[in-house]
Amino acid sequence: VWDMSQFRGWPEQQTYPGIEGALQFMADWTDSWEDWDFELVGDLHDAGDKVVGIYRQHGRSKATGMPLEMDFAQVWTFREGMQIRMEMYASADEALEAVGLRE
């Protein structure tokens, strides 16, 4: 499951089930941008069966030409070595708190 329900202000579909759902989300998102890319910022954070990644994305809106640079975080849940869920957060603090790594 690709889960956007924790991402403040996300107006679209809240969850995208299965691999097909994750691929659909990525296609819908990246189709809106020119030169879109993202990168891991720092290290991954181990939280048992979850891993937190903090990322920076950048690109230019196809509709307006305005540039975008934004940080976000993802919490990936694993079961038996397989990724089963991704939860998107607007900030690193929110994601780390969600997995108990931040007080």
N, C-alpha and C. Protein backbone atom coordinates (compact mmCIF):
# COMPACT_ATOMS: atom_id res chain seq x y z
N VAL A 1 0.85 -1.18 0.00
CA VAL A 1 0.00 0.00 0.00
C VAL A 1 0.89 1.24 0.00
N TRP A 2 0.58 2.17 -0.88
CA TRP A 2 1.21 3.49 -0.91
C TRP A 2 0.22 4.41 -0.20
N ASP A 3 0.57 4.88 1.00
CA ASP A 3 -0.37 5.57 1.89
C ASP A 3 -0.03 7.06 2.00
N MET A 4 -0.92 7.90 1.51
CA MET A 4 -0.75 9.35 1.57
C MET A 4 -1.58 9.99 2.68
N SER A 5 -2.25 9.20 3.50
CA SER A 5 -3.19 9.73 4.48
C SER A 5 -2.53 10.58 5.58
N GLN A 6 -1.23 10.40 5.82
CA GLN A 6 -0.53 11.18 6.84
C GLN A 6 0.12 12.44 6.27
N PHE A 7 0.05 12.61 4.97
CA PHE A 7 0.68 13.75 4.30
C PHE A 7 -0.29 14.92 4.32
N ARG A 8 -0.02 15.89 5.20
CA ARG A 8 -0.93 17.03 5.40
C ARG A 8 -1.31 17.70 4.08
N GLY A 9 -2.60 17.84 3.88
CA GLY A 9 -3.09 18.60 2.75
C GLY A 9 -3.16 17.84 1.43
N TRP A 10 -2.87 16.54 1.44
CA TRP A 10 -2.92 15.78 0.19
C TRP A 10 -4.38 15.66 -0.25
N PRO A 11 -4.76 16.29 -1.36
CA PRO A 11 -6.18 16.34 -1.74
C PRO A 11 -6.67 15.15 -2.55
N GLU A 12 -5.77 14.33 -2.99
CA GLU A 12 -6.14 13.24 -3.90
C GLU A 12 -6.45 11.96 -3.11
N GLN A 13 -6.46 10.88 -3.80
CA GLN A 13 -6.69 9.55 -3.22
C GLN A 13 -5.74 9.34 -2.04
N GLN A 14 -6.23 8.78 -0.96
CA GLN A 14 -5.43 8.63 0.26
C GLN A 14 -4.55 7.38 0.27
N THR A 15 -5.03 6.29 -0.29
CA THR A 15 -4.22 5.07 -0.37
C THR A 15 -4.27 4.51 -1.78
N TYR A 16 -3.17 3.91 -2.17
CA TYR A 16 -3.01 3.32 -3.50
C TYR A 16 -2.57 1.88 -3.29
N PRO A 17 -3.50 0.92 -3.41
CA PRO A 17 -3.17 -0.46 -3.07
C PRO A 17 -2.32 -1.18 -4.12
N GLY A 18 -1.44 -2.03 -3.63
CA GLY A 18 -0.65 -2.90 -4.49
C GLY A 18 0.43 -2.18 -5.28
N ILE A 19 1.19 -2.99 -5.97
CA ILE A 19 2.25 -2.45 -6.82
C ILE A 19 1.66 -1.53 -7.88
N GLU A 20 0.51 -1.93 -8.41
CA GLU A 20 -0.15 -1.11 -9.44
C GLU A 20 -0.52 0.26 -8.89
N GLY A 21 -0.99 0.30 -7.65
CA GLY A 21 -1.34 1.57 -7.03
C GLY A 21 -0.13 2.48 -6.85
N ALA A 22 0.99 1.90 -6.39
CA ALA A 22 2.21 2.68 -6.21
C ALA A 22 2.70 3.22 -7.56
N LEU A 23 2.66 2.39 -8.57
CA LEU A 23 3.08 2.83 -9.91
C LEU A 23 2.16 3.92 -10.44
N GLN A 24 0.86 3.79 -10.18
CA GLN A 24 -0.09 4.81 -10.63
C GLN A 24 0.17 6.15 -9.93
N PHE A 25 0.41 6.10 -8.61
CA PHE A 25 0.72 7.33 -7.88
C PHE A 25 1.95 8.01 -8.49
N MET A 26 3.02 7.24 -8.69
CA MET A 26 4.26 7.82 -9.22
C MET A 26 4.05 8.39 -10.62
N ALA A 27 3.31 7.69 -11.46
CA ALA A 27 3.05 8.20 -12.81
C ALA A 27 2.25 9.49 -12.75
N ASP A 28 1.21 9.52 -11.92
CA ASP A 28 0.38 10.73 -11.80
C ASP A 28 1.21 11.90 -11.28
N TRP A 29 2.04 11.66 -10.27
CA TRP A 29 2.84 12.73 -9.68
C TRP A 29 3.89 13.23 -10.65
N THR A 30 4.67 12.34 -11.24
CA THR A 30 5.78 12.78 -12.08
C THR A 30 5.32 13.37 -13.40
N ASP A 31 4.13 13.03 -13.86
CA ASP A 31 3.60 13.61 -15.10
C ASP A 31 3.37 15.11 -14.99
N SER A 32 3.29 15.64 -13.78
CA SER A 32 3.03 17.07 -13.58
C SER A 32 4.30 17.91 -13.60
N TRP A 33 5.47 17.24 -13.66
CA TRP A 33 6.73 17.95 -13.49
C TRP A 33 7.69 17.72 -14.65
N GLU A 34 8.49 18.74 -14.93
CA GLU A 34 9.63 18.60 -15.84
C GLU A 34 10.87 18.46 -14.98
N ASP A 35 11.80 17.67 -15.43
CA ASP A 35 13.08 17.50 -14.73
C ASP A 35 12.90 17.13 -13.27
N TRP A 36 11.88 16.33 -12.95
CA TRP A 36 11.63 15.94 -11.56
C TRP A 36 12.65 14.88 -11.15
N ASP A 37 13.13 15.02 -9.94
CA ASP A 37 14.06 14.05 -9.37
C ASP A 37 13.97 14.14 -7.86
N PHE A 38 14.48 13.12 -7.19
CA PHE A 38 14.55 13.17 -5.72
C PHE A 38 15.80 12.45 -5.28
N GLU A 39 16.22 12.76 -4.04
CA GLU A 39 17.42 12.15 -3.50
C GLU A 39 17.25 11.92 -2.01
N LEU A 40 17.89 10.89 -1.52
CA LEU A 40 17.93 10.61 -0.09
C LEU A 40 18.80 11.65 0.58
N VAL A 41 18.32 12.23 1.68
CA VAL A 41 19.06 13.23 2.45
C VAL A 41 19.54 12.53 3.72
N GLY A 42 20.81 12.31 3.85
CA GLY A 42 21.34 11.67 5.04
C GLY A 42 21.17 10.16 5.00
N ASP A 43 21.10 9.57 6.18
CA ASP A 43 21.02 8.12 6.33
C ASP A 43 19.58 7.66 6.47
N LEU A 44 19.37 6.37 6.21
CA LEU A 44 18.09 5.73 6.54
C LEU A 44 18.06 5.50 8.05
N HIS A 45 16.87 5.48 8.64
CA HIS A 45 16.70 5.31 10.08
C HIS A 45 15.99 3.99 10.35
N ASP A 46 16.66 3.09 11.06
CA ASP A 46 16.13 1.76 11.37
C ASP A 46 15.17 1.85 12.55
N ALA A 47 13.96 1.33 12.36
CA ALA A 47 12.96 1.30 13.43
C ALA A 47 12.32 -0.08 13.48
N GLY A 48 13.15 -1.12 13.56
CA GLY A 48 12.64 -2.49 13.62
C GLY A 48 12.13 -2.95 12.28
N ASP A 49 10.81 -3.18 12.17
CA ASP A 49 10.26 -3.61 10.89
C ASP A 49 9.93 -2.43 9.98
N LYS A 50 10.36 -1.23 10.40
CA LYS A 50 10.13 -0.02 9.61
C LYS A 50 11.46 0.68 9.36
N VAL A 51 11.52 1.41 8.26
CA VAL A 51 12.69 2.21 7.91
C VAL A 51 12.19 3.58 7.49
N VAL A 52 12.85 4.63 8.00
CA VAL A 52 12.48 6.00 7.64
C VAL A 52 13.54 6.56 6.69
N GLY A 53 13.07 7.08 5.58
CA GLY A 53 13.93 7.77 4.63
C GLY A 53 13.49 9.23 4.53
N ILE A 54 14.46 10.13 4.51
CA ILE A 54 14.17 11.55 4.36
C ILE A 54 14.73 11.97 3.00
N TYR A 55 13.89 12.63 2.22
CA TYR A 55 14.21 12.91 0.82
C TYR A 55 14.03 14.37 0.49
N ARG A 56 14.66 14.78 -0.59
CA ARG A 56 14.45 16.11 -1.18
C ARG A 56 14.09 15.90 -2.64
N GLN A 57 12.97 16.52 -3.05
CA GLN A 57 12.57 16.44 -4.45
C GLN A 57 12.67 17.82 -5.08
N HIS A 58 12.91 17.82 -6.39
CA HIS A 58 12.97 19.08 -7.11
C HIS A 58 12.53 18.86 -8.55
N GLY A 59 11.99 19.91 -9.12
CA GLY A 59 11.52 19.86 -10.50
C GLY A 59 10.90 21.20 -10.86
N ARG A 60 10.24 21.22 -12.00
CA ARG A 60 9.56 22.43 -12.47
C ARG A 60 8.17 22.03 -12.94
N SER A 61 7.16 22.75 -12.47
CA SER A 61 5.78 22.47 -12.83
C SER A 61 5.56 22.64 -14.33
N LYS A 62 4.98 21.63 -14.96
CA LYS A 62 4.65 21.74 -16.38
C LYS A 62 3.57 22.80 -16.60
N ALA A 63 2.65 22.94 -15.67
CA ALA A 63 1.53 23.86 -15.82
C ALA A 63 1.94 25.32 -15.66
N THR A 64 2.82 25.63 -14.69
CA THR A 64 3.13 27.02 -14.39
C THR A 64 4.58 27.40 -14.67
N GLY A 65 5.45 26.41 -14.81
CA GLY A 65 6.87 26.69 -14.99
C GLY A 65 7.59 27.01 -13.69
N MET A 66 6.87 27.01 -12.58
CA MET A 66 7.48 27.33 -11.28
C MET A 66 8.33 26.17 -10.79
N PRO A 67 9.50 26.49 -10.21
CA PRO A 67 10.35 25.43 -9.66
C PRO A 67 9.81 24.92 -8.32
N LEU A 68 10.16 23.70 -8.00
CA LEU A 68 9.79 23.08 -6.73
C LEU A 68 11.04 22.50 -6.10
N GLU A 69 11.20 22.74 -4.81
CA GLU A 69 12.18 22.02 -4.01
C GLU A 69 11.51 21.79 -2.68
N MET A 70 11.40 20.52 -2.29
CA MET A 70 10.65 20.19 -1.08
C MET A 70 11.24 18.95 -0.43
N ASP A 71 11.35 18.98 0.88
CA ASP A 71 11.75 17.80 1.64
C ASP A 71 10.49 17.07 2.08
N PHE A 72 10.60 15.76 2.20
CA PHE A 72 9.52 14.92 2.69
C PHE A 72 10.14 13.67 3.29
N ALA A 73 9.32 12.86 3.94
CA ALA A 73 9.82 11.62 4.54
C ALA A 73 8.87 10.48 4.24
N GLN A 74 9.44 9.28 4.19
CA GLN A 74 8.65 8.07 3.97
C GLN A 74 8.99 7.06 5.05
N VAL A 75 7.96 6.37 5.53
CA VAL A 75 8.14 5.25 6.45
C VAL A 75 7.78 3.99 5.67
N TRP A 76 8.76 3.13 5.50
CA TRP A 76 8.58 1.87 4.78
C TRP A 76 8.44 0.74 5.80
N THR A 77 7.41 -0.07 5.67
CA THR A 77 7.20 -1.22 6.55
C THR A 77 7.55 -2.49 5.80
N PHE A 78 8.30 -3.37 6.47
CA PHE A 78 8.74 -4.62 5.86
C PHE A 78 8.19 -5.81 6.64
N ARG A 79 7.86 -6.87 5.93
CA ARG A 79 7.46 -8.13 6.52
C ARG A 79 8.13 -9.25 5.74
N GLU A 80 8.85 -10.10 6.47
CA GLU A 80 9.56 -11.22 5.87
C GLU A 80 10.44 -10.76 4.71
N GLY A 81 11.11 -9.61 4.91
CA GLY A 81 12.04 -9.10 3.92
C GLY A 81 11.41 -8.41 2.72
N MET A 82 10.09 -8.25 2.75
CA MET A 82 9.41 -7.60 1.62
C MET A 82 8.75 -6.32 2.08
N GLN A 83 8.80 -5.29 1.24
CA GLN A 83 8.15 -4.02 1.54
C GLN A 83 6.66 -4.18 1.34
N ILE A 84 5.88 -3.84 2.39
CA ILE A 84 4.42 -4.02 2.29
C ILE A 84 3.65 -2.71 2.38
N ARG A 85 4.30 -1.64 2.85
CA ARG A 85 3.58 -0.37 3.01
C ARG A 85 4.57 0.78 2.99
N MET A 86 4.12 1.90 2.43
CA MET A 86 4.87 3.15 2.47
C MET A 86 3.90 4.22 2.93
N GLU A 87 4.31 4.96 3.97
CA GLU A 87 3.52 6.08 4.47
C GLU A 87 4.32 7.36 4.24
N MET A 88 3.69 8.33 3.60
CA MET A 88 4.34 9.59 3.26
C MET A 88 4.04 10.62 4.34
N TYR A 89 5.08 11.38 4.71
CA TYR A 89 4.97 12.46 5.70
C TYR A 89 5.57 13.74 5.13
N ALA A 90 5.03 14.87 5.54
CA ALA A 90 5.49 16.16 5.06
C ALA A 90 6.81 16.58 5.72
N SER A 91 7.16 15.95 6.84
CA SER A 91 8.40 16.34 7.51
C SER A 91 9.09 15.11 8.12
N ALA A 92 10.38 15.25 8.29
CA ALA A 92 11.17 14.20 8.94
C ALA A 92 10.71 13.99 10.37
N ASP A 93 10.44 15.09 11.09
CA ASP A 93 10.01 14.99 12.49
C ASP A 93 8.76 14.14 12.63
N GLU A 94 7.77 14.35 11.75
CA GLU A 94 6.53 13.58 11.81
C GLU A 94 6.78 12.09 11.57
N ALA A 95 7.61 11.79 10.60
CA ALA A 95 7.89 10.38 10.27
C ALA A 95 8.66 9.70 11.41
N LEU A 96 9.66 10.38 11.95
CA LEU A 96 10.44 9.80 13.04
C LEU A 96 9.58 9.61 14.29
N GLU A 97 8.70 10.56 14.56
CA GLU A 97 7.79 10.41 15.70
C GLU A 97 6.84 9.24 15.50
N ALA A 98 6.38 9.04 14.28
CA ALA A 98 5.43 7.96 13.98
C ALA A 98 6.01 6.58 14.27
N VAL A 99 7.33 6.44 14.18
CA VAL A 99 7.96 5.14 14.44
C VAL A 99 8.66 5.09 15.80
N GLY A 100 8.47 6.14 16.61
CA GLY A 100 9.02 6.15 17.96
C GLY A 100 10.48 6.53 18.04
N LEU A 101 11.02 7.19 17.03
CA LEU A 101 12.43 7.58 17.05
C LEU A 101 12.63 9.04 17.45
N ARG A 102 11.55 9.72 17.75
CA ARG A 102 11.66 11.14 18.14
C ARG A 102 10.69 11.39 19.29
N GLU A 103 11.16 12.08 20.30
CA GLU A 103 10.32 12.36 21.46
C GLU A 103 9.59 13.67 21.29
